[in-house]
Amino acid sequence: MRTTELTWFKSSYSGTQGDDCVEVAVTKSAIRVRDSKDVTLPSFAVGREEWTRFVRYASHG
């Protein structure tokens, strides 16, 4: 699946001023991450387990 065919979601922590914007797209095998300020840049994939660990870590501040 090409990244243009994915459904991207903007992070709820992204600012409203257009700064620090991150978008994610969920696939069967991974979570795709990209910079929403320039969607032409390459995205990267993170495994579901690794993503879960990252979110858990990030939620603890």
N, C-alpha and C. Protein backbone atom coordinates (compact mmCIF):
# COMPACT_ATOMS: atom_id res chain seq x y z
N MET A 1 0.84 -1.18 0.00
CA MET A 1 0.00 0.00 0.00
C MET A 1 0.88 1.24 0.00
N ARG A 2 0.60 2.16 -0.88
CA ARG A 2 1.35 3.41 -0.94
C ARG A 2 0.86 4.35 0.15
N THR A 3 1.75 5.22 0.62
CA THR A 3 1.39 6.12 1.72
C THR A 3 0.31 7.11 1.30
N THR A 4 0.15 7.37 0.02
CA THR A 4 -0.91 8.27 -0.43
C THR A 4 -2.29 7.62 -0.30
N GLU A 5 -2.33 6.30 -0.17
CA GLU A 5 -3.59 5.58 -0.05
C GLU A 5 -4.01 5.37 1.40
N LEU A 6 -3.18 5.78 2.34
CA LEU A 6 -3.47 5.58 3.76
C LEU A 6 -4.35 6.70 4.31
N THR A 7 -5.04 6.40 5.39
CA THR A 7 -5.81 7.40 6.11
C THR A 7 -4.93 7.93 7.23
N TRP A 8 -4.56 9.20 7.15
CA TRP A 8 -3.64 9.82 8.11
C TRP A 8 -4.43 10.57 9.18
N PHE A 9 -3.94 10.49 10.42
CA PHE A 9 -4.55 11.18 11.56
C PHE A 9 -3.51 12.09 12.19
N LYS A 10 -3.88 13.33 12.42
CA LYS A 10 -2.98 14.29 13.03
C LYS A 10 -2.95 14.06 14.54
N SER A 11 -1.79 14.16 15.12
CA SER A 11 -1.64 14.00 16.56
C SER A 11 -2.49 15.01 17.32
N SER A 12 -3.13 14.57 18.38
CA SER A 12 -3.93 15.48 19.21
C SER A 12 -3.04 16.47 19.95
N TYR A 13 -1.73 16.21 20.02
CA TYR A 13 -0.79 17.11 20.68
C TYR A 13 -0.16 18.11 19.73
N SER A 14 -0.47 18.02 18.45
CA SER A 14 0.07 18.97 17.49
C SER A 14 -0.55 20.33 17.72
N GLY A 15 0.26 21.35 17.59
CA GLY A 15 -0.21 22.71 17.82
C GLY A 15 -1.16 23.18 16.72
N THR A 16 -1.93 24.19 17.00
CA THR A 16 -2.86 24.76 16.02
C THR A 16 -2.18 25.80 15.14
N GLN A 17 -0.94 26.16 15.44
CA GLN A 17 -0.21 27.16 14.68
C GLN A 17 0.57 26.55 13.52
N GLY A 18 0.43 25.25 13.29
CA GLY A 18 1.15 24.60 12.20
C GLY A 18 2.54 24.13 12.58
N ASP A 19 2.86 24.15 13.86
CA ASP A 19 4.18 23.71 14.30
C ASP A 19 4.11 22.32 14.93
N ASP A 20 5.22 21.61 14.90
CA ASP A 20 5.34 20.30 15.55
C ASP A 20 4.20 19.35 15.20
N CYS A 21 3.90 19.23 13.93
CA CYS A 21 2.77 18.38 13.51
C CYS A 21 3.25 17.00 13.10
N VAL A 22 2.63 16.00 13.68
CA VAL A 22 2.92 14.62 13.37
C VAL A 22 1.61 13.95 12.99
N GLU A 23 1.66 13.11 11.95
CA GLU A 23 0.49 12.34 11.55
C GLU A 23 0.85 10.87 11.57
N VAL A 24 -0.14 10.04 11.86
CA VAL A 24 0.06 8.59 11.85
C VAL A 24 -1.02 7.94 11.00
N ALA A 25 -0.67 6.80 10.46
CA ALA A 25 -1.61 5.96 9.71
C ALA A 25 -1.41 4.53 10.19
N VAL A 26 -2.50 3.84 10.44
CA VAL A 26 -2.44 2.48 10.96
C VAL A 26 -2.61 1.49 9.81
N THR A 27 -1.70 0.53 9.72
CA THR A 27 -1.81 -0.57 8.76
C THR A 27 -1.86 -1.88 9.53
N LYS A 28 -2.04 -2.97 8.83
CA LYS A 28 -2.10 -4.28 9.49
C LYS A 28 -0.81 -4.61 10.22
N SER A 29 0.31 -4.23 9.63
CA SER A 29 1.59 -4.65 10.19
C SER A 29 2.36 -3.57 10.94
N ALA A 30 1.98 -2.30 10.77
CA ALA A 30 2.79 -1.23 11.36
C ALA A 30 1.98 0.06 11.51
N ILE A 31 2.61 0.99 12.19
CA ILE A 31 2.11 2.36 12.30
C ILE A 31 3.05 3.22 11.46
N ARG A 32 2.50 3.97 10.52
CA ARG A 32 3.29 4.86 9.68
C ARG A 32 3.28 6.24 10.32
N VAL A 33 4.40 6.94 10.29
CA VAL A 33 4.53 8.26 10.91
C VAL A 33 5.12 9.21 9.87
N ARG A 34 4.56 10.44 9.81
CA ARG A 34 5.10 11.44 8.88
C ARG A 34 4.94 12.84 9.46
N ASP A 35 5.66 13.76 8.86
CA ASP A 35 5.60 15.18 9.21
C ASP A 35 4.48 15.80 8.40
N SER A 36 3.44 16.30 9.05
CA SER A 36 2.30 16.85 8.31
C SER A 36 2.59 18.20 7.68
N LYS A 37 3.69 18.85 8.08
CA LYS A 37 4.05 20.13 7.47
C LYS A 37 4.60 19.94 6.06
N ASP A 38 5.15 18.74 5.79
CA ASP A 38 5.67 18.44 4.45
C ASP A 38 5.44 16.96 4.18
N VAL A 39 4.28 16.64 3.67
CA VAL A 39 3.90 15.23 3.45
C VAL A 39 4.65 14.60 2.28
N THR A 40 5.47 15.40 1.57
CA THR A 40 6.27 14.83 0.50
C THR A 40 7.53 14.15 1.03
N LEU A 41 7.88 14.46 2.28
CA LEU A 41 9.03 13.79 2.90
C LEU A 41 8.67 12.33 3.18
N PRO A 42 9.66 11.46 3.22
CA PRO A 42 9.37 10.06 3.49
C PRO A 42 8.78 9.86 4.89
N SER A 43 7.87 8.93 4.98
CA SER A 43 7.35 8.53 6.29
C SER A 43 8.18 7.34 6.76
N PHE A 44 7.98 6.92 8.01
CA PHE A 44 8.66 5.73 8.48
C PHE A 44 7.65 4.84 9.19
N ALA A 45 7.99 3.57 9.28
CA ALA A 45 7.09 2.58 9.88
C ALA A 45 7.64 2.12 11.21
N VAL A 46 6.74 1.93 12.15
CA VAL A 46 7.08 1.41 13.47
C VAL A 46 6.18 0.21 13.72
N GLY A 47 6.75 -0.87 14.24
CA GLY A 47 5.95 -2.04 14.57
C GLY A 47 4.90 -1.71 15.62
N ARG A 48 3.81 -2.47 15.62
CA ARG A 48 2.73 -2.21 16.58
C ARG A 48 3.18 -2.30 18.03
N GLU A 49 4.00 -3.28 18.37
CA GLU A 49 4.48 -3.41 19.75
C GLU A 49 5.36 -2.23 20.14
N GLU A 50 6.24 -1.84 19.24
CA GLU A 50 7.12 -0.70 19.51
C GLU A 50 6.31 0.58 19.66
N TRP A 51 5.28 0.76 18.83
CA TRP A 51 4.42 1.94 18.92
C TRP A 51 3.71 1.97 20.27
N THR A 52 3.20 0.83 20.70
CA THR A 52 2.51 0.75 21.99
C THR A 52 3.45 1.14 23.12
N ARG A 53 4.69 0.64 23.08
CA ARG A 53 5.68 1.01 24.10
C ARG A 53 5.99 2.50 24.07
N PHE A 54 6.13 3.07 22.87
CA PHE A 54 6.40 4.49 22.74
C PHE A 54 5.25 5.32 23.31
N VAL A 55 4.03 5.00 22.96
CA VAL A 55 2.88 5.76 23.46
C VAL A 55 2.77 5.66 24.98
N ARG A 56 3.01 4.46 25.50
CA ARG A 56 2.98 4.27 26.95
C ARG A 56 4.05 5.13 27.62
N TYR A 57 5.24 5.14 27.06
CA TYR A 57 6.34 5.94 27.61
C TYR A 57 6.02 7.44 27.51
N ALA A 58 5.56 7.87 26.35
CA ALA A 58 5.26 9.29 26.13
C ALA A 58 4.12 9.79 27.02
N SER A 59 3.20 8.94 27.35
CA SER A 59 2.06 9.36 28.17
C SER A 59 2.45 9.60 29.62
N HIS A 60 3.63 9.14 30.01
CA HIS A 60 4.11 9.35 31.38
C HIS A 60 4.92 10.63 31.52
N GLY A 61 4.98 11.43 30.43
CA GLY A 61 5.65 12.73 30.46
C GLY A 61 7.10 12.62 30.38
